Amino acid sequence: MNFVLLLLCLSLFRVLPLKEALPVDSVIVIFWGIVLRLAWKDKRRKATTGIEGMIGSKADVIERSNGSLKVFFRGEIWDAVSSEDLSVRERVEILGIHNEERMKVRVSRGKGSVP
């Protein structure tokens, strides 16, 4: 893609006079610099998907039966475990994954509790 940009800028110098080609090339180079900077920043950003993106987030308990919990988080329903006694509609904080299949949660501290 950089090669295409270079060819475009050089071709403008061959077709247009210097006074007209220079401003157009400047706009192209500035635009491309912004695009490359955004791509560079995005590439260096930490991954926030999967388990590492869930830890510390808030979720809602939607079902409790026979010691098992169902937790609603980002449009998905997860099985969960907790060492605390939780009730339905309670706001919880995600601590991680327990036994590769259940989410480990605790009562949410601070703001964001559901009445």
PDB file of N, CA and C in Angstrom:
ATOM      1  N   MET A   1       0.823  -1.195   0.000  1.00  0.00           N
ATOM      2  CA  MET A   1       0.000   0.000   0.000  1.00  0.00           C
ATOM      3  C   MET A   1       0.868   1.260   0.000  1.00  0.00           C
ATOM      4  N   ASN A   2       1.998   1.205   0.715  1.00  0.00           N
ATOM      5  CA  ASN A   2       2.897   2.358   0.716  1.00  0.00           C
ATOM      6  C   ASN A   2       3.459   2.621  -0.676  1.00  0.00           C
ATOM      7  N   PHE A   3       3.685   1.535  -1.423  1.00  0.00           N
ATOM      8  CA  PHE A   3       4.195   1.670  -2.787  1.00  0.00           C
ATOM      9  C   PHE A   3       3.186   2.402  -3.675  1.00  0.00           C
ATOM     10  N   VAL A   4       1.916   2.110  -3.503  1.00  0.00           N
ATOM     11  CA  VAL A   4       0.855   2.773  -4.275  1.00  0.00           C
ATOM     12  C   VAL A   4       0.820   4.251  -3.949  1.00  0.00           C
ATOM     13  N   LEU A   5       0.966   4.595  -2.675  1.00  0.00           N
ATOM     14  CA  LEU A   5       0.984   5.994  -2.260  1.00  0.00           C
ATOM     15  C   LEU A   5       2.169   6.733  -2.894  1.00  0.00           C
ATOM     16  N   LEU A   6       3.314   6.093  -2.888  1.00  0.00           N
ATOM     17  CA  LEU A   6       4.504   6.694  -3.486  1.00  0.00           C
ATOM     18  C   LEU A   6       4.299   6.937  -4.989  1.00  0.00           C
ATOM     19  N   LEU A   7       3.760   5.955  -5.684  1.00  0.00           N
ATOM     20  CA  LEU A   7       3.501   6.120  -7.119  1.00  0.00           C
ATOM     21  C   LEU A   7       2.493   7.239  -7.389  1.00  0.00           C
ATOM     22  N   LEU A   8       1.478   7.324  -6.552  1.00  0.00           N
ATOM     23  CA  LEU A   8       0.477   8.381  -6.717  1.00  0.00           C
ATOM     24  C   LEU A   8       1.110   9.752  -6.546  1.00  0.00           C
ATOM     25  N   CYS A   9       1.911   9.923  -5.511  1.00  0.00           N
ATOM     26  CA  CYS A   9       2.554  11.210  -5.264  1.00  0.00           C
ATOM     27  C   CYS A   9       3.529  11.583  -6.390  1.00  0.00           C
ATOM     28  N   LEU A  10       4.314  10.607  -6.829  1.00  0.00           N
ATOM     29  CA  LEU A  10       5.271  10.886  -7.909  1.00  0.00           C
ATOM     30  C   LEU A  10       4.566  11.176  -9.231  1.00  0.00           C
ATOM     31  N   SER A  11       3.469  10.493  -9.501  1.00  0.00           N
ATOM     32  CA  SER A  11       2.747  10.734 -10.755  1.00  0.00           C
ATOM     33  C   SER A  11       2.122  12.124 -10.772  1.00  0.00           C
ATOM     34  N   LEU A  12       1.715  12.628  -9.617  1.00  0.00           N
ATOM     35  CA  LEU A  12       1.170  13.986  -9.575  1.00  0.00           C
ATOM     36  C   LEU A  12       2.232  15.017  -9.944  1.00  0.00           C
ATOM     37  N   PHE A  13       3.480  14.776  -9.534  1.00  0.00           N
ATOM     38  CA  PHE A  13       4.559  15.706  -9.893  1.00  0.00           C
ATOM     39  C   PHE A  13       4.842  15.687 -11.386  1.00  0.00           C
ATOM     40  N   ARG A  14       4.608  14.563 -12.046  1.00  0.00           N
ATOM     41  CA  ARG A  14       4.853  14.483 -13.488  1.00  0.00           C
ATOM     42  C   ARG A  14       3.711  15.120 -14.276  1.00  0.00           C
ATOM     43  N   VAL A  15       2.503  15.062 -13.748  1.00  0.00           N
ATOM     44  CA  VAL A  15       1.341  15.554 -14.490  1.00  0.00           C
ATOM     45  C   VAL A  15       1.053  17.025 -14.184  1.00  0.00           C
ATOM     46  N   LEU A  16       1.127  17.384 -12.925  1.00  0.00           N
ATOM     47  CA  LEU A  16       0.775  18.748 -12.507  1.00  0.00           C
ATOM     48  C   LEU A  16       2.017  19.595 -12.294  1.00  0.00           C
ATOM     49  N   PRO A  17       1.867  20.913 -12.408  1.00  0.00           N
ATOM     50  CA  PRO A  17       2.988  21.802 -12.054  1.00  0.00           C
ATOM     51  C   PRO A  17       3.268  21.710 -10.539  1.00  0.00           C
ATOM     52  N   LEU A  18       4.461  22.090 -10.153  1.00  0.00           N
ATOM     53  CA  LEU A  18       4.897  21.969  -8.764  1.00  0.00           C
ATOM     54  C   LEU A  18       3.959  22.692  -7.793  1.00  0.00           C
ATOM     55  N   LYS A  19       3.489  23.879  -8.160  1.00  0.00           N
ATOM     56  CA  LYS A  19       2.624  24.657  -7.268  1.00  0.00           C
ATOM     57  C   LYS A  19       1.293  23.949  -7.001  1.00  0.00           C
ATOM     58  N   GLU A  20       0.820  23.138  -7.940  1.00  0.00           N
ATOM     59  CA  GLU A  20      -0.443  22.411  -7.754  1.00  0.00           C
ATOM     60  C   GLU A  20      -0.220  21.019  -7.169  1.00  0.00           C
ATOM     61  N   ALA A  21       0.874  20.376  -7.518  1.00  0.00           N
ATOM     62  CA  ALA A  21       1.126  19.012  -7.044  1.00  0.00           C
ATOM     63  C   ALA A  21       1.527  18.974  -5.573  1.00  0.00           C
ATOM     64  N   LEU A  22       2.277  19.975  -5.110  1.00  0.00           N
ATOM     65  CA  LEU A  22       2.758  19.977  -3.737  1.00  0.00           C
ATOM     66  C   LEU A  22       1.634  19.995  -2.700  1.00  0.00           C
ATOM     67  N   PRO A  23       0.616  20.858  -2.824  1.00  0.00           N
ATOM     68  CA  PRO A  23      -0.476  20.814  -1.836  1.00  0.00           C
ATOM     69  C   PRO A  23      -1.257  19.498  -1.863  1.00  0.00           C
ATOM     70  N   VAL A  24      -1.491  18.941  -3.035  1.00  0.00           N
ATOM     71  CA  VAL A  24      -2.219  17.680  -3.136  1.00  0.00           C
ATOM     72  C   VAL A  24      -1.410  16.557  -2.505  1.00  0.00           C
ATOM     73  N   ASP A  25      -0.103  16.519  -2.795  1.00  0.00           N
ATOM     74  CA  ASP A  25       0.754  15.502  -2.194  1.00  0.00           C
ATOM     75  C   ASP A  25       0.819  15.652  -0.675  1.00  0.00           C
ATOM     76  N   SER A  26       0.847  16.882  -0.203  1.00  0.00           N
ATOM     77  CA  SER A  26       0.886  17.115   1.251  1.00  0.00           C
ATOM     78  C   SER A  26      -0.358  16.548   1.927  1.00  0.00           C
ATOM     79  N   VAL A  27      -1.514  16.763   1.329  1.00  0.00           N
ATOM     80  CA  VAL A  27      -2.760  16.231   1.890  1.00  0.00           C
ATOM     81  C   VAL A  27      -2.730  14.705   1.905  1.00  0.00           C
ATOM     82  N   ILE A  28      -2.244  14.093   0.824  1.00  0.00           N
ATOM     83  CA  ILE A  28      -2.170  12.631   0.751  1.00  0.00           C
ATOM     84  C   ILE A  28      -1.226  12.085   1.821  1.00  0.00           C
ATOM     85  N   VAL A  29      -0.066  12.710   1.969  1.00  0.00           N
ATOM     86  CA  VAL A  29       0.917  12.242   2.951  1.00  0.00           C
ATOM     87  C   VAL A  29       0.388  12.420   4.373  1.00  0.00           C
ATOM     88  N   ILE A  30      -0.256  13.524   4.674  1.00  0.00           N
ATOM     89  CA  ILE A  30      -0.824  13.739   6.013  1.00  0.00           C
ATOM     90  C   ILE A  30      -1.928  12.725   6.300  1.00  0.00           C
ATOM     91  N   PHE A  31      -2.807  12.513   5.350  1.00  0.00           N
ATOM     92  CA  PHE A  31      -3.879  11.525   5.530  1.00  0.00           C
ATOM     93  C   PHE A  31      -3.299  10.140   5.775  1.00  0.00           C
ATOM     94  N   TRP A  32      -2.325   9.751   4.964  1.00  0.00           N
ATOM     95  CA  TRP A  32      -1.727   8.425   5.119  1.00  0.00           C
ATOM     96  C   TRP A  32      -0.987   8.299   6.451  1.00  0.00           C
ATOM     97  N   GLY A  33      -0.361   9.381   6.891  1.00  0.00           N
ATOM     98  CA  GLY A  33       0.307   9.373   8.197  1.00  0.00           C
ATOM     99  C   GLY A  33      -0.672   9.145   9.330  1.00  0.00           C
ATOM    100  N   ILE A  34      -1.849   9.761   9.240  1.00  0.00           N
ATOM    101  CA  ILE A  34      -2.885   9.560  10.258  1.00  0.00           C
ATOM    102  C   ILE A  34      -3.357   8.114  10.250  1.00  0.00           C
ATOM    103  N   VAL A  35      -3.582   7.566   9.066  1.00  0.00           N
ATOM    104  CA  VAL A  35      -4.026   6.164   8.966  1.00  0.00           C
ATOM    105  C   VAL A  35      -2.988   5.219   9.555  1.00  0.00           C
ATOM    106  N   LEU A  36      -1.721   5.421   9.231  1.00  0.00           N
ATOM    107  CA  LEU A  36      -0.661   4.563   9.759  1.00  0.00           C
ATOM    108  C   LEU A  36      -0.518   4.703  11.274  1.00  0.00           C
ATOM    109  N   ARG A  37      -0.677   5.917  11.786  1.00  0.00           N
ATOM    110  CA  ARG A  37      -0.591   6.105  13.244  1.00  0.00           C
ATOM    111  C   ARG A  37      -1.725   5.378  13.955  1.00  0.00           C
ATOM    112  N   LEU A  38      -2.941   5.464  13.424  1.00  0.00           N
ATOM    113  CA  LEU A  38      -4.069   4.749  14.028  1.00  0.00           C
ATOM    114  C   LEU A  38      -3.854   3.242  13.982  1.00  0.00           C
ATOM    115  N   ALA A  39      -3.325   2.741  12.867  1.00  0.00           N
ATOM    116  CA  ALA A  39      -3.049   1.304  12.758  1.00  0.00           C
ATOM    117  C   ALA A  39      -1.969   0.888  13.749  1.00  0.00           C
ATOM    118  N   TRP A  40      -0.942   1.709  13.934  1.00  0.00           N
ATOM    119  CA  TRP A  40       0.135   1.407  14.864  1.00  0.00           C
ATOM    120  C   TRP A  40      -0.392   1.370  16.300  1.00  0.00           C
ATOM    121  N   LYS A  41      -1.214   2.358  16.661  1.00  0.00           N
ATOM    122  CA  LYS A  41      -1.782   2.392  18.015  1.00  0.00           C
ATOM    123  C   LYS A  41      -2.683   1.184  18.251  1.00  0.00           C
ATOM    124  N   ASP A  42      -3.462   0.799  17.254  1.00  0.00           N
ATOM    125  CA  ASP A  42      -4.349  -0.344  17.404  1.00  0.00           C
ATOM    126  C   ASP A  42      -3.561  -1.644  17.544  1.00  0.00           C
ATOM    127  N   LYS A  43      -2.460  -1.744  16.831  1.00  0.00           N
ATOM    128  CA  LYS A  43      -1.643  -2.954  16.906  1.00  0.00           C
ATOM    129  C   LYS A  43      -0.988  -3.097  18.276  1.00  0.00           C
ATOM    130  N   ARG A  44      -0.647  -2.003  18.914  1.00  0.00           N
ATOM    131  CA  ARG A  44       0.020  -2.034  20.212  1.00  0.00           C
ATOM    132  C   ARG A  44      -0.959  -2.142  21.382  1.00  0.00           C
ATOM    133  N   ARG A  45      -2.248  -2.017  21.117  1.00  0.00           N
ATOM    134  CA  ARG A  45      -3.260  -2.076  22.176  1.00  0.00           C
ATOM    135  C   ARG A  45      -3.331  -3.487  22.746  1.00  0.00           C
ATOM    136  N   LYS A  46      -3.503  -3.578  24.068  1.00  0.00           N
ATOM    137  CA  LYS A  46      -3.612  -4.883  24.706  1.00  0.00           C
ATOM    138  C   LYS A  46      -4.913  -5.563  24.297  1.00  0.00           C
ATOM    139  N   ALA A  47      -4.851  -6.874  24.219  1.00  0.00           N
ATOM    140  CA  ALA A  47      -6.043  -7.650  23.879  1.00  0.00           C
ATOM    141  C   ALA A  47      -7.033  -7.587  25.033  1.00  0.00           C
ATOM    142  N   THR A  48      -8.293  -7.345  24.707  1.00  0.00           N
ATOM    143  CA  THR A  48      -9.321  -7.283  25.749  1.00  0.00           C
ATOM    144  C   THR A  48     -10.437  -8.263  25.447  1.00  0.00           C
ATOM    145  N   THR A  49     -10.126  -9.289  24.715  1.00  0.00           N
ATOM    146  CA  THR A  49     -11.125 -10.305  24.430  1.00  0.00           C
ATOM    147  C   THR A  49     -10.814 -11.536  25.254  1.00  0.00           C
ATOM    148  N   GLY A  50     -11.745 -12.403  25.376  1.00  0.00           N
ATOM    149  CA  GLY A  50     -11.523 -13.619  26.146  1.00  0.00           C
ATOM    150  C   GLY A  50     -11.543 -13.345  27.630  1.00  0.00           C
ATOM    151  N   ILE A  51     -10.913 -14.211  28.375  1.00  0.00           N
ATOM    152  CA  ILE A  51     -10.948 -14.153  29.829  1.00  0.00           C
ATOM    153  C   ILE A  51     -10.325 -12.866  30.353  1.00  0.00           C
ATOM    154  N   GLU A  52      -9.184 -12.447  29.805  1.00  0.00           N
ATOM    155  CA  GLU A  52      -8.520 -11.260  30.334  1.00  0.00           C
ATOM    156  C   GLU A  52      -9.368 -10.001  30.170  1.00  0.00           C
ATOM    157  N   GLY A  53     -10.282  -9.993  29.217  1.00  0.00           N
ATOM    158  CA  GLY A  53     -11.170  -8.852  29.041  1.00  0.00           C
ATOM    159  C   GLY A  53     -12.372  -8.884  29.973  1.00  0.00           C
ATOM    160  N   MET A  54     -12.645 -10.029  30.567  1.00  0.00           N
ATOM    161  CA  MET A  54     -13.794 -10.159  31.466  1.00  0.00           C
ATOM    162  C   MET A  54     -13.444  -9.864  32.918  1.00  0.00           C
ATOM    163  N   ILE A  55     -12.227 -10.137  33.326  1.00  0.00           N
ATOM    164  CA  ILE A  55     -11.840  -9.998  34.730  1.00  0.00           C
ATOM    165  C   ILE A  55     -12.022  -8.555  35.181  1.00  0.00           C
ATOM    166  N   GLY A  56     -12.728  -8.396  36.296  1.00  0.00           N
ATOM    167  CA  GLY A  56     -13.000  -7.075  36.853  1.00  0.00           C
ATOM    168  C   GLY A  56     -14.284  -6.448  36.349  1.00  0.00           C
ATOM    169  N   SER A  57     -14.905  -7.036  35.336  1.00  0.00           N
ATOM    170  CA  SER A  57     -16.163  -6.503  34.798  1.00  0.00           C
ATOM    171  C   SER A  57     -17.330  -6.887  35.695  1.00  0.00           C
ATOM    172  N   LYS A  58     -18.429  -6.205  35.504  1.00  0.00           N
ATOM    173  CA  LYS A  58     -19.646  -6.462  36.279  1.00  0.00           C
ATOM    174  C   LYS A  58     -20.618  -7.300  35.470  1.00  0.00           C
ATOM    175  N   ALA A  59     -21.350  -8.164  36.159  1.00  0.00           N
ATOM    176  CA  ALA A  59     -22.358  -9.015  35.529  1.00  0.00           C
ATOM    177  C   ALA A  59     -23.545  -9.122  36.477  1.00  0.00           C
ATOM    178  N   ASP A  60     -24.653  -9.692  35.997  1.00  0.00           N
ATOM    179  CA  ASP A  60     -25.863  -9.839  36.804  1.00  0.00           C
ATOM    180  C   ASP A  60     -26.204 -11.307  36.981  1.00  0.00           C
ATOM    181  N   VAL A  61     -26.570 -11.674  38.208  1.00  0.00           N
ATOM    182  CA  VAL A  61     -27.047 -13.032  38.476  1.00  0.00           C
ATOM    183  C   VAL A  61     -28.482 -13.096  37.981  1.00  0.00           C
ATOM    184  N   ILE A  62     -28.791 -14.056  37.094  1.00  0.00           N
ATOM    185  CA  ILE A  62     -30.149 -14.147  36.555  1.00  0.00           C
ATOM    186  C   ILE A  62     -30.891 -15.392  37.036  1.00  0.00           C
ATOM    187  N   GLU A  63     -30.144 -16.372  37.567  1.00  0.00           N
ATOM    188  CA  GLU A  63     -30.807 -17.588  38.031  1.00  0.00           C
ATOM    189  C   GLU A  63     -29.957 -18.236  39.106  1.00  0.00           C
ATOM    190  N   ARG A  64     -30.627 -18.768  40.124  1.00  0.00           N
ATOM    191  CA  ARG A  64     -29.934 -19.485  41.191  1.00  0.00           C
ATOM    192  C   ARG A  64     -30.765 -20.711  41.535  1.00  0.00           C
ATOM    193  N   SER A  65     -30.174 -21.896  41.371  1.00  0.00           N
ATOM    194  CA  SER A  65     -30.904 -23.117  41.711  1.00  0.00           C
ATOM    195  C   SER A  65     -29.936 -24.215  42.125  1.00  0.00           C
ATOM    196  N   ASN A  66     -30.223 -24.863  43.221  1.00  0.00           N
ATOM    197  CA  ASN A  66     -29.422 -25.985  43.726  1.00  0.00           C
ATOM    198  C   ASN A  66     -27.925 -25.675  43.783  1.00  0.00           C
ATOM    199  N   GLY A  67     -27.587 -24.510  44.239  1.00  0.00           N
ATOM    200  CA  GLY A  67     -26.178 -24.141  44.384  1.00  0.00           C
ATOM    201  C   GLY A  67     -25.497 -23.678  43.117  1.00  0.00           C
ATOM    202  N   SER A  68     -26.164 -23.766  41.977  1.00  0.00           N
ATOM    203  CA  SER A  68     -25.539 -23.280  40.739  1.00  0.00           C
ATOM    204  C   SER A  68     -26.084 -21.902  40.393  1.00  0.00           C
ATOM    205  N   LEU A  69     -25.251 -21.126  39.747  1.00  0.00           N
ATOM    206  CA  LEU A  69     -25.617 -19.765  39.366  1.00  0.00           C
ATOM    207  C   LEU A  69     -25.562 -19.621  37.855  1.00  0.00           C
ATOM    208  N   LYS A  70     -26.428 -18.788  37.317  1.00  0.00           N
ATOM    209  CA  LYS A  70     -26.371 -18.373  35.914  1.00  0.00           C
ATOM    210  C   LYS A  70     -26.143 -16.863  35.938  1.00  0.00           C
ATOM    211  N   VAL A  71     -25.125 -16.428  35.201  1.00  0.00           N
ATOM    212  CA  VAL A  71     -24.741 -15.026  35.186  1.00  0.00           C
ATOM    213  C   VAL A  71     -24.856 -14.501  33.763  1.00  0.00           C
ATOM    214  N   PHE A  72     -25.423 -13.298  33.623  1.00  0.00           N
ATOM    215  CA  PHE A  72     -25.573 -12.652  32.321  1.00  0.00           C
ATOM    216  C   PHE A  72     -24.464 -11.627  32.160  1.00  0.00           C
ATOM    217  N   PHE A  73     -23.652 -11.807  31.094  1.00  0.00           N
ATOM    218  CA  PHE A  73     -22.541 -10.899  30.839  1.00  0.00           C
ATOM    219  C   PHE A  73     -22.382 -10.709  29.336  1.00  0.00           C
ATOM    220  N   ARG A  74     -22.475  -9.463  28.880  1.00  0.00           N
ATOM    221  CA  ARG A  74     -22.299  -9.087  27.464  1.00  0.00           C
ATOM    222  C   ARG A  74     -23.111  -9.953  26.517  1.00  0.00           C
ATOM    223  N   GLY A  75     -24.367 -10.127  26.838  1.00  0.00           N
ATOM    224  CA  GLY A  75     -25.259 -10.851  25.943  1.00  0.00           C
ATOM    225  C   GLY A  75     -25.157 -12.363  26.025  1.00  0.00           C
ATOM    226  N   GLU A  76     -24.355 -12.887  26.935  1.00  0.00           N
ATOM    227  CA  GLU A  76     -24.196 -14.326  27.069  1.00  0.00           C
ATOM    228  C   GLU A  76     -24.550 -14.756  28.487  1.00  0.00           C
ATOM    229  N   ILE A  77     -25.013 -15.993  28.608  1.00  0.00           N
ATOM    230  CA  ILE A  77     -25.325 -16.565  29.913  1.00  0.00           C
ATOM    231  C   ILE A  77     -24.233 -17.565  30.258  1.00  0.00           C
ATOM    232  N   TRP A  78     -23.621 -17.391  31.422  1.00  0.00           N
ATOM    233  CA  TRP A  78     -22.516 -18.229  31.879  1.00  0.00           C
ATOM    234  C   TRP A  78     -22.910 -18.963  33.156  1.00  0.00           C
ATOM    235  N   ASP A  79     -22.396 -20.169  33.336  1.00  0.00           N
ATOM    236  CA  ASP A  79     -22.470 -20.839  34.624  1.00  0.00           C
ATOM    237  C   ASP A  79     -21.425 -20.180  35.514  1.00  0.00           C
ATOM    238  N   ALA A  80     -21.734 -20.055  36.795  1.00  0.00           N
ATOM    239  CA  ALA A  80     -20.808 -19.373  37.693  1.00  0.00           C
ATOM    240  C   ALA A  80     -20.736 -20.076  39.036  1.00  0.00           C
ATOM    241  N   VAL A  81     -19.643 -19.813  39.745  1.00  0.00           N
ATOM    242  CA  VAL A  81     -19.465 -20.293  41.109  1.00  0.00           C
ATOM    243  C   VAL A  81     -19.064 -19.108  41.972  1.00  0.00           C
ATOM    244  N   SER A  82     -19.447 -19.184  43.249  1.00  0.00           N
ATOM    245  CA  SER A  82     -19.090 -18.133  44.182  1.00  0.00           C
ATOM    246  C   SER A  82     -18.997 -18.721  45.578  1.00  0.00           C
ATOM    247  N   SER A  83     -18.090 -18.191  46.378  1.00  0.00           N
ATOM    248  CA  SER A  83     -17.978 -18.631  47.762  1.00  0.00           C
ATOM    249  C   SER A  83     -18.986 -17.895  48.640  1.00  0.00           C
ATOM    250  N   GLU A  84     -19.634 -16.869  48.091  1.00  0.00           N
ATOM    251  CA  GLU A  84     -20.625 -16.089  48.819  1.00  0.00           C
ATOM    252  C   GLU A  84     -22.030 -16.545  48.440  1.00  0.00           C
ATOM    253  N   ASP A  85     -22.976 -16.258  49.297  1.00  0.00           N
ATOM    254  CA  ASP A  85     -24.371 -16.568  49.013  1.00  0.00           C
ATOM    255  C   ASP A  85     -24.961 -15.423  48.194  1.00  0.00           C
ATOM    256  N   LEU A  86     -25.284 -15.689  46.941  1.00  0.00           N
ATOM    257  CA  LEU A  86     -25.788 -14.656  46.037  1.00  0.00           C
ATOM    258  C   LEU A  86     -27.252 -14.893  45.729  1.00  0.00           C
ATOM    259  N   SER A  87     -27.947 -13.807  45.415  1.00  0.00           N
ATOM    260  CA  SER A  87     -29.358 -13.920  45.053  1.00  0.00           C
ATOM    261  C   SER A  87     -29.560 -13.409  43.625  1.00  0.00           C
ATOM    262  N   VAL A  88     -30.736 -13.696  43.073  1.00  0.00           N
ATOM    263  CA  VAL A  88     -31.074 -13.263  41.719  1.00  0.00           C
ATOM    264  C   VAL A  88     -31.099 -11.737  41.671  1.00  0.00           C
ATOM    265  N   ARG A  89     -30.682 -11.173  40.541  1.00  0.00           N
ATOM    266  CA  ARG A  89     -30.604  -9.731  40.273  1.00  0.00           C
ATOM    267  C   ARG A  89     -29.489  -9.042  41.036  1.00  0.00           C
ATOM    268  N   GLU A  90     -28.606  -9.799  41.641  1.00  0.00           N
ATOM    269  CA  GLU A  90     -27.487  -9.198  42.352  1.00  0.00           C
ATOM    270  C   GLU A  90     -26.361  -8.925  41.354  1.00  0.00           C
ATOM    271  N   ARG A  91     -25.685  -7.811  41.558  1.00  0.00           N
ATOM    272  CA  ARG A  91     -24.568  -7.419  40.699  1.00  0.00           C
ATOM    273  C   ARG A  91     -23.301  -8.074  41.236  1.00  0.00           C
ATOM    274  N   VAL A  92     -22.537  -8.723  40.343  1.00  0.00           N
ATOM    275  CA  VAL A  92     -21.324  -9.418  40.753  1.00  0.00           C
ATOM    276  C   VAL A  92     -20.135  -8.948  39.925  1.00  0.00           C
ATOM    277  N   GLU A  93     -18.952  -9.167  40.458  1.00  0.00           N
ATOM    278  CA  GLU A  93     -17.705  -8.858  39.762  1.00  0.00           C
ATOM    279  C   GLU A  93     -17.065 -10.172  39.326  1.00  0.00           C
ATOM    280  N   ILE A  94     -16.574 -10.208  38.104  1.00  0.00           N
ATOM    281  CA  ILE A  94     -15.974 -11.425  37.569  1.00  0.00           C
ATOM    282  C   ILE A  94     -14.513 -11.502  38.018  1.00  0.00           C
ATOM    283  N   LEU A  95     -14.148 -12.637  38.616  1.00  0.00           N
ATOM    284  CA  LEU A  95     -12.786 -12.836  39.111  1.00  0.00           C
ATOM    285  C   LEU A  95     -11.934 -13.661  38.156  1.00  0.00           C
ATOM    286  N   GLY A  96     -12.565 -14.497  37.338  1.00  0.00           N
ATOM    287  CA  GLY A  96     -11.830 -15.349  36.416  1.00  0.00           C
ATOM    288  C   GLY A  96     -12.668 -16.555  36.028  1.00  0.00           C
ATOM    289  N   ILE A  97     -12.006 -17.578  35.543  1.00  0.00           N
ATOM    290  CA  ILE A  97     -12.687 -18.801  35.129  1.00  0.00           C
ATOM    291  C   ILE A  97     -12.280 -19.923  36.076  1.00  0.00           C
ATOM    292  N   HIS A  98     -13.259 -20.687  36.528  1.00  0.00           N
ATOM    293  CA  HIS A  98     -13.055 -21.787  37.456  1.00  0.00           C
ATOM    294  C   HIS A  98     -13.281 -23.103  36.713  1.00  0.00           C
ATOM    295  N   ASN A  99     -12.306 -23.977  36.708  1.00  0.00           N
ATOM    296  CA  ASN A  99     -12.401 -25.286  36.045  1.00  0.00           C
ATOM    297  C   ASN A  99     -12.722 -25.192  34.552  1.00  0.00           C
ATOM    298  N   GLU A 100     -12.269 -24.159  33.881  1.00  0.00           N
ATOM    299  CA  GLU A 100     -12.396 -23.971  32.433  1.00  0.00           C
ATOM    300  C   GLU A 100     -13.833 -23.977  31.906  1.00  0.00           C
ATOM    301  N   GLU A 101     -14.814 -23.939  32.768  1.00  0.00           N
ATOM    302  CA  GLU A 101     -16.190 -23.944  32.267  1.00  0.00           C
ATOM    303  C   GLU A 101     -17.109 -23.013  33.044  1.00  0.00           C
ATOM    304  N   ARG A 102     -16.720 -22.644  34.231  1.00  0.00           N
ATOM    305  CA  ARG A 102     -17.560 -21.781  35.053  1.00  0.00           C
ATOM    306  C   ARG A 102     -16.828 -20.498  35.403  1.00  0.00           C
ATOM    307  N   MET A 103     -17.586 -19.421  35.429  1.00  0.00           N
ATOM    308  CA  MET A 103     -17.053 -18.132  35.776  1.00  0.00           C
ATOM    309  C   MET A 103     -17.005 -18.017  37.304  1.00  0.00           C
ATOM    310  N   LYS A 104     -15.905 -17.512  37.844  1.00  0.00           N
ATOM    311  CA  LYS A 104     -15.781 -17.311  39.283  1.00  0.00           C
ATOM    312  C   LYS A 104     -16.147 -15.856  39.562  1.00  0.00           C
ATOM    313  N   VAL A 105     -17.109 -15.648  40.480  1.00  0.00           N
ATOM    314  CA  VAL A 105     -17.617 -14.306  40.741  1.00  0.00           C
ATOM    315  C   VAL A 105     -17.665 -14.032  42.243  1.00  0.00           C
ATOM    316  N   ARG A 106     -17.797 -12.743  42.578  1.00  0.00           N
ATOM    317  CA  ARG A 106     -18.029 -12.314  43.957  1.00  0.00           C
ATOM    318  C   ARG A 106     -18.958 -11.109  43.919  1.00  0.00           C
ATOM    319  N   VAL A 107     -19.498 -10.768  45.068  1.00  0.00           N
ATOM    320  CA  VAL A 107     -20.404  -9.628  45.159  1.00  0.00           C
ATOM    321  C   VAL A 107     -19.650  -8.380  44.731  1.00  0.00           C
ATOM    322  N   SER A 108     -20.293  -7.571  43.901  1.00  0.00           N
ATOM    323  CA  SER A 108     -19.682  -6.350  43.404  1.00  0.00           C
ATOM    324  C   SER A 108     -19.532  -5.347  44.539  1.00  0.00           C
ATOM    325  N   ARG A 109     -18.373  -4.749  44.637  1.00  0.00           N
ATOM    326  CA  ARG A 109     -18.091  -3.741  45.659  1.00  0.00           C
ATOM    327  C   ARG A 109     -18.310  -2.356  45.044  1.00  0.00           C
ATOM    328  N   GLY A 110     -18.915  -1.470  45.796  1.00  0.00           N
ATOM    329  CA  GLY A 110     -19.059  -0.076  45.337  1.00  0.00           C
ATOM    330  C   GLY A 110     -20.316   0.139  44.514  1.00  0.00           C
ATOM    331  N   LYS A 111     -20.226   1.114  43.597  1.00  0.00           N
ATOM    332  CA  LYS A 111     -21.373   1.529  42.801  1.00  0.00           C
ATOM    333  C   LYS A 111     -21.794   0.470  41.804  1.00  0.00           C
ATOM    334  N   GLY A 112     -22.997   0.584  41.310  1.00  0.00           N
ATOM    335  CA  GLY A 112     -23.467  -0.287  40.246  1.00  0.00           C
ATOM    336  C   GLY A 112     -24.345  -1.425  40.726  1.00  0.00           C
ATOM    337  N   SER A 113     -24.737  -1.430  42.013  1.00  0.00           N
ATOM    338  CA  SER A 113     -25.590  -2.504  42.499  1.00  0.00           C
ATOM    339  C   SER A 113     -27.009  -2.337  41.976  1.00  0.00           C
ATOM    340  N   VAL A 114     -27.613  -3.421  41.666  1.00  0.00           N
ATOM    341  CA  VAL A 114     -28.988  -3.410  41.185  1.00  0.00           C
ATOM    342  C   VAL A 114     -29.907  -3.470  42.390  1.00  0.00           C
ATOM    343  N   PRO A 115     -30.899  -2.549  42.532  1.00  0.00           N
ATOM    344  CA  PRO A 115     -31.779  -2.565  43.699  1.00  0.00           C
ATOM    345  C   PRO A 115     -32.689  -3.770  43.719  1.00  0.00           C
TER     346      PRO A 115
END
